[in-house]
Amino acid sequence: MIAEPLTRPMCSPVGGGAAAAIVVSERKARELGLMGKAARVISSTLRSTWPRDGEEEPGLTERCASDAYELSGVGVERA
């Protein structure tokens, strides 16, 4: 119990998060045809888990990254 009637699962979980931004030069933006486009989101993923025995589920970050790459059609080799 956190504060009656709220239990721990009802409150914001303790956890981490991540974000990524790819910044390119004006020349590269022109090469990629991105001029005039301030931002372009090509994928977004969200996963959550409940810690078991106080440990975060292994591989969660890797699965999120894999999902994002699959959804975007982009891989690390393009970087």
Protein backbone atom coordinates (compact mmCIF):
# COMPACT_ATOMS: atom_id res chain seq x y z
CA MET A 1 0.00 0.00 0.00
CA ILE A 2 1.32 3.45 -0.95
CA ALA A 3 -1.52 5.71 0.14
CA GLU A 4 -4.93 4.14 0.76
CA PRO A 5 -6.37 2.92 -1.61
CA LEU A 6 -3.37 3.09 -4.00
CA THR A 7 -1.09 0.09 -4.19
CA ARG A 8 2.38 0.08 -5.70
CA PRO A 9 1.24 -1.32 -9.09
CA MET A 10 -1.27 1.56 -9.34
CA CYS A 11 1.46 4.19 -9.01
CA SER A 12 4.22 5.17 -11.41
CA PRO A 13 6.68 2.30 -11.46
CA VAL A 14 10.32 2.68 -10.62
CA GLY A 15 12.13 2.17 -13.87
CA GLY A 16 14.12 3.61 -16.67
CA GLY A 17 13.48 4.98 -20.06
CA ALA A 18 15.28 5.86 -23.22
CA ALA A 19 15.10 8.20 -26.14
CA ALA A 20 17.16 8.72 -29.25
CA ALA A 21 17.68 11.59 -31.63
CA ILE A 22 19.62 11.44 -34.86
CA VAL A 23 21.13 14.77 -35.78
CA VAL A 24 22.59 15.29 -39.23
CA SER A 25 24.35 18.15 -40.98
CA GLU A 26 22.54 20.34 -43.46
CA ARG A 27 24.45 18.61 -46.28
CA LYS A 28 23.35 15.14 -45.10
CA ALA A 29 19.75 16.31 -44.60
CA ARG A 30 19.78 17.53 -48.21
CA GLU A 31 21.24 14.20 -49.39
CA LEU A 32 18.50 12.34 -47.52
CA GLY A 33 15.80 14.68 -48.82
CA LEU A 34 14.97 15.94 -45.33
CA MET A 35 15.29 19.68 -45.87
CA GLY A 36 12.31 21.58 -44.50
CA LYS A 37 11.33 18.74 -42.18
CA ALA A 38 12.20 19.67 -38.61
CA ALA A 39 11.51 16.19 -37.24
CA ARG A 40 10.51 12.86 -38.65
CA VAL A 41 9.51 10.01 -36.36
CA ILE A 42 9.94 6.70 -38.13
CA SER A 43 9.25 4.43 -35.20
CA SER A 44 8.25 4.46 -31.58
CA THR A 45 8.04 1.56 -29.17
CA LEU A 46 6.96 1.04 -25.60
CA ARG A 47 7.30 -1.98 -23.37
CA SER A 48 7.04 -2.38 -19.66
CA THR A 49 7.64 -5.07 -17.14
CA TRP A 50 7.25 -5.60 -13.46
CA PRO A 51 10.50 -6.37 -11.62
CA ARG A 52 10.65 -9.91 -10.33
CA ASP A 53 12.69 -10.34 -7.17
CA GLY A 54 13.80 -6.71 -7.50
CA GLU A 55 15.46 -7.27 -10.90
CA GLU A 56 14.46 -5.79 -14.24
CA GLU A 57 13.51 -8.29 -16.90
CA PRO A 58 16.67 -9.15 -18.86
CA GLY A 59 16.82 -8.06 -22.46
CA LEU A 60 14.05 -5.46 -22.24
CA THR A 61 16.17 -2.67 -23.75
CA GLU A 62 17.35 -4.95 -26.54
CA ARG A 63 13.77 -5.99 -27.38
CA CYS A 64 12.67 -2.34 -27.55
CA ALA A 65 15.56 -1.50 -29.87
CA SER A 66 14.79 -4.52 -32.05
CA ASP A 67 11.11 -3.50 -32.26
CA ALA A 68 12.06 0.06 -33.24
CA TYR A 69 14.42 -1.11 -35.97
CA GLU A 70 11.81 -3.53 -37.34
CA LEU A 71 9.04 -0.92 -37.37
CA SER A 72 11.23 1.69 -39.04
CA GLY A 73 12.78 -0.54 -41.65
CA VAL A 74 16.14 0.90 -40.61
CA GLY A 75 19.01 -0.97 -39.05
CA VAL A 76 22.27 -0.02 -37.41
CA GLU A 77 24.10 -0.65 -40.68
CA ARG A 78 22.45 2.47 -42.18
CA ALA A 79 24.10 4.67 -39.56
